[in-house]
Amino acid sequence: MPAIVGVVQVISVGSSGVFHIGDVFKIAPYSTSKTFSGAGSFNTGDTISLYNAHSSTNTYDTDAADQPILFNL
């Protein structure tokens, strides 16, 4: 279903990233990665007010594959 899109600001798109506005049939990743970061690491905006008294990141992961991309062609 078509939509009217207002102002869009794109700062950057990574090498395996996808930026799409409009109708789409299929968007599928060709690569995956796993990122661990602490609280408030990926906040974006003009004015951010953040308070983290104690933050720890759990990096223990027992999954063999989080997002398989075998059939994404």
Protein backbone atom coordinates (compact mmCIF):
# COMPACT_ATOMS: atom_id res chain seq x y z
CA MET A 1 0.00 0.00 0.00
CA PRO A 2 1.59 3.31 -1.03
CA ALA A 3 2.32 5.90 1.62
CA ILE A 4 3.24 9.56 1.71
CA VAL A 5 6.66 9.97 3.28
CA GLY A 6 7.77 13.26 4.78
CA VAL A 7 11.31 14.38 5.49
CA VAL A 8 13.92 11.62 5.73
CA GLN A 9 17.47 12.16 6.99
CA VAL A 10 20.02 9.45 6.22
CA ILE A 11 23.43 9.92 7.78
CA SER A 12 25.02 6.72 6.51
CA VAL A 13 24.19 3.23 5.29
CA GLY A 14 26.66 0.43 5.97
CA SER A 15 28.18 -1.84 3.35
CA SER A 16 25.52 -4.53 3.85
CA GLY A 17 22.72 -2.18 4.93
CA VAL A 18 19.44 -1.50 3.14
CA PHE A 19 17.61 1.83 2.90
CA HIS A 20 14.29 1.64 1.08
CA ILE A 21 11.26 3.91 0.82
CA GLY A 22 8.21 2.70 -1.08
CA ASP A 23 6.75 -0.61 -2.14
CA VAL A 24 9.02 -3.62 -1.90
CA PHE A 25 8.70 -7.31 -2.72
CA LYS A 26 11.69 -8.69 -0.84
CA ILE A 27 14.51 -7.26 1.29
CA ALA A 28 16.89 -9.90 2.57
CA PRO A 29 20.32 -9.59 4.19
CA TYR A 30 23.39 -11.07 2.51
CA SER A 31 25.56 -10.86 5.63
CA THR A 32 25.06 -10.96 9.37
CA SER A 33 27.05 -9.84 12.37
CA LYS A 34 26.65 -9.87 16.12
CA THR A 35 27.18 -6.71 18.14
CA PHE A 36 27.44 -6.39 21.91
CA SER A 37 27.27 -2.97 23.54
CA GLY A 38 26.31 -1.40 26.83
CA ALA A 39 23.23 0.57 27.80
CA GLY A 40 22.68 3.74 25.80
CA SER A 41 25.33 2.94 23.18
CA PHE A 42 23.19 3.33 20.07
CA ASN A 43 21.08 6.32 21.09
CA THR A 44 20.79 8.94 18.35
CA GLY A 45 19.23 12.35 18.28
CA ASP A 46 19.92 16.01 18.80
CA THR A 47 19.56 16.05 22.61
CA ILE A 48 20.12 12.86 24.59
CA SER A 49 19.91 12.77 28.38
CA LEU A 50 20.99 9.40 29.71
CA TYR A 51 21.86 8.16 33.18
CA ASN A 52 23.19 4.64 33.76
CA ALA A 53 24.31 4.07 37.33
CA HIS A 54 25.48 0.51 36.69
CA SER A 55 25.57 -1.19 33.32
CA SER A 56 26.92 -4.56 32.28
CA THR A 57 26.64 -6.35 28.95
CA ASN A 58 25.96 -10.09 28.87
CA THR A 59 27.89 -11.60 25.95
CA TYR A 60 27.07 -15.24 26.70
CA ASP A 61 25.14 -16.63 23.72
CA THR A 62 24.40 -20.32 23.19
CA ASP A 63 22.75 -19.97 19.77
CA ALA A 64 24.55 -21.61 16.86
CA ALA A 65 22.96 -19.22 14.35
CA ASP A 66 20.89 -16.14 15.18
CA GLN A 67 19.82 -15.17 11.65
CA PRO A 68 20.53 -17.76 8.96
CA ILE A 69 20.87 -16.29 5.46
CA LEU A 70 21.24 -19.51 3.48
CA PHE A 71 18.30 -18.99 1.10
CA ASN A 72 18.41 -15.17 0.83
CA LEU A 73 19.37 -14.70 -2.79
